C-alpha atoms as a PDB file:
ATOM      1  CA  MET A   1     -20.297 -13.726 -29.210  1.00  0.00           C
ATOM      2  CA  THR A   2     -17.606 -11.313 -28.066  1.00  0.00           C
ATOM      3  CA  ASN A   3     -16.352  -8.417 -30.146  1.00  0.00           C
ATOM      4  CA  LYS A   4     -12.729  -8.927 -31.057  1.00  0.00           C
ATOM      5  CA  ILE A   5     -10.284  -6.094 -31.439  1.00  0.00           C
ATOM      6  CA  VAL A   6      -9.294  -5.328 -35.011  1.00  0.00           C
ATOM      7  CA  TYR A   7      -5.955  -3.561 -35.015  1.00  0.00           C
ATOM      8  CA  HIS A   8      -6.608  -0.971 -37.757  1.00  0.00           C
ATOM      9  CA  GLU A   9      -3.923   1.471 -36.606  1.00  0.00           C
ATOM     10  CA  LEU A  10      -1.328  -1.285 -36.227  1.00  0.00           C
ATOM     11  CA  LYS A  11      -2.119  -2.653 -39.666  1.00  0.00           C
ATOM     12  CA  GLY A  12      -1.741   0.789 -41.251  1.00  0.00           C
ATOM     13  CA  TRP A  13       1.479   1.465 -39.355  1.00  0.00           C
ATOM     14  CA  LEU A  14       3.018  -1.824 -40.517  1.00  0.00           C
ATOM     15  CA  VAL A  15       2.121  -1.070 -44.141  1.00  0.00           C
ATOM     16  CA  SER A  16       3.440   2.500 -43.984  1.00  0.00           C
ATOM     17  CA  ASN A  17       6.696   1.246 -42.464  1.00  0.00           C
ATOM     18  CA  SER A  18       7.077  -1.649 -44.946  1.00  0.00           C
ATOM     19  CA  ILE A  19       7.006  -4.265 -42.197  1.00  0.00           C
ATOM     20  CA  SER A  20       5.482  -7.567 -43.262  1.00  0.00           C
ATOM     21  CA  GLN A  21       3.299  -9.783 -41.132  1.00  0.00           C
ATOM     22  CA  LYS A  22       5.950 -12.464 -41.691  1.00  0.00           C
ATOM     23  CA  ARG A  23       8.524 -10.176 -40.036  1.00  0.00           C
ATOM     24  CA  VAL A  24       6.159  -9.503 -37.118  1.00  0.00           C
ATOM     25  CA  GLY A  25       5.754 -13.262 -36.713  1.00  0.00           C
ATOM     26  CA  GLU A  26       9.509 -13.791 -36.714  1.00  0.00           C
ATOM     27  CA  VAL A  27       9.930 -11.179 -33.998  1.00  0.00           C
ATOM     28  CA  ILE A  28       7.274 -12.657 -31.704  1.00  0.00           C
ATOM     29  CA  GLY A  29       7.979 -16.301 -32.549  1.00  0.00           C
ATOM     30  CA  THR A  30       4.933 -17.231 -34.606  1.00  0.00           C
ATOM     31  CA  THR A  31       3.754 -17.407 -38.205  1.00  0.00           C
ATOM     32  CA  ALA A  32       2.462 -14.716 -40.542  1.00  0.00           C
ATOM     33  CA  ASN A  33      -0.885 -16.554 -40.570  1.00  0.00           C
ATOM     34  CA  VAL A  34      -1.241 -16.223 -36.790  1.00  0.00           C
ATOM     35  CA  VAL A  35      -0.233 -12.540 -36.961  1.00  0.00           C
ATOM     36  CA  ASN A  36      -2.827 -11.936 -39.683  1.00  0.00           C
ATOM     37  CA  LYS A  37      -5.535 -13.510 -37.530  1.00  0.00           C
ATOM     38  CA  LYS A  38      -4.505 -11.410 -34.516  1.00  0.00           C
ATOM     39  CA  ILE A  39      -4.506  -8.182 -36.537  1.00  0.00           C
ATOM     40  CA  ASN A  40      -7.885  -8.879 -38.154  1.00  0.00           C
ATOM     41  CA  GLY A  41      -9.614  -9.992 -34.963  1.00  0.00           C
ATOM     42  CA  THR A  42     -10.183 -13.589 -36.027  1.00  0.00           C
ATOM     43  CA  GLY A  43      -7.561 -15.079 -33.728  1.00  0.00           C
ATOM     44  CA  SER A  44      -6.318 -14.381 -30.242  1.00  0.00           C
ATOM     45  CA  ASP A  45      -5.377 -10.886 -29.135  1.00  0.00           C
ATOM     46  CA  PHE A  46      -1.760  -9.813 -28.852  1.00  0.00           C
ATOM     47  CA  LYS A  47      -0.227 -10.660 -25.490  1.00  0.00           C
ATOM     48  CA  LEU A  48       1.326  -7.808 -23.559  1.00  0.00           C
ATOM     49  CA  SER A  49       4.711  -9.524 -23.900  1.00  0.00           C
ATOM     50  CA  GLU A  50       4.266  -9.603 -27.696  1.00  0.00           C
ATOM     51  CA  ALA A  51       3.335  -5.919 -27.759  1.00  0.00           C
ATOM     52  CA  ARG A  52       6.412  -5.063 -25.697  1.00  0.00           C
ATOM     53  CA  THR A  53       8.662  -7.115 -27.966  1.00  0.00           C
ATOM     54  CA  LEU A  54       7.269  -5.449 -31.094  1.00  0.00           C
ATOM     55  CA  HIS A  55       7.672  -2.043 -29.475  1.00  0.00           C
ATOM     56  CA  ASP A  56      11.271  -2.756 -28.448  1.00  0.00           C
ATOM     57  CA  LYS A  57      12.416  -4.417 -31.682  1.00  0.00           C
ATOM     58  CA  LEU A  58      10.318  -2.724 -34.380  1.00  0.00           C
ATOM     59  CA  LYS A  59       9.373   0.523 -32.582  1.00  0.00           C
ATOM     60  CA  VAL A  60       5.620  -0.181 -32.941  1.00  0.00           C
ATOM     61  CA  PRO A  61       3.770   2.399 -30.805  1.00  0.00           C
ATOM     62  CA  MET A  62       2.259   0.682 -27.755  1.00  0.00           C
ATOM     63  CA  ALA A  63      -0.984   2.641 -28.184  1.00  0.00           C
ATOM     64  CA  TYR A  64      -1.800   0.548 -31.270  1.00  0.00           C
ATOM     65  CA  PHE A  65      -2.323  -2.504 -29.078  1.00  0.00           C
ATOM     66  CA  PHE A  66      -4.917  -0.782 -26.924  1.00  0.00           C
ATOM     67  CA  GLU A  67      -7.454   0.492 -29.461  1.00  0.00           C
ATOM     68  CA  ILE A  68     -10.880   0.927 -27.996  1.00  0.00           C
ATOM     69  CA  GLU A  69     -13.951   1.213 -30.155  1.00  0.00           C
ATOM     70  CA  VAL A  70     -16.916   2.476 -28.179  1.00  0.00           C
ATOM     71  CA  PRO A  71     -20.340   1.823 -29.709  1.00  0.00           C
ATOM     72  CA  LEU A  72     -22.207   4.982 -30.713  1.00  0.00           C
ATOM     73  CA  SER A  73     -24.977   4.154 -28.245  1.00  0.00           C
ATOM     74  CA  GLU A  74     -22.443   4.198 -25.392  1.00  0.00           C
ATOM     75  CA  ARG A  75     -20.654   7.431 -26.303  1.00  0.00           C
ATOM     76  CA  LYS A  76     -21.279  10.518 -24.183  1.00  0.00           C
ATOM     77  CA  GLU A  77     -21.750  13.861 -25.799  1.00  0.00           C
ATOM     78  CA  THR A  78     -19.127  16.417 -24.815  1.00  0.00           C
ATOM     79  CA  CYS A  79     -19.820  20.139 -24.837  1.00  0.00           C
END
């Protein structure tokens, strides 16, 4: 089983900017249900073209589509 990305930062940004998942779906040509699954990691990931469209039309920061969660066991200590 692969670990899916959960877009926590994107989800928070949408809420703080009063942008609904329905609106996101309209912008990228899909439904709010599909957007919800993408955001919560239960569906497919966002395509790069979708990320670009959301960045261009809704000003969503591109960094939110590239969240990386590194397991604690894999993190290096920095001094």
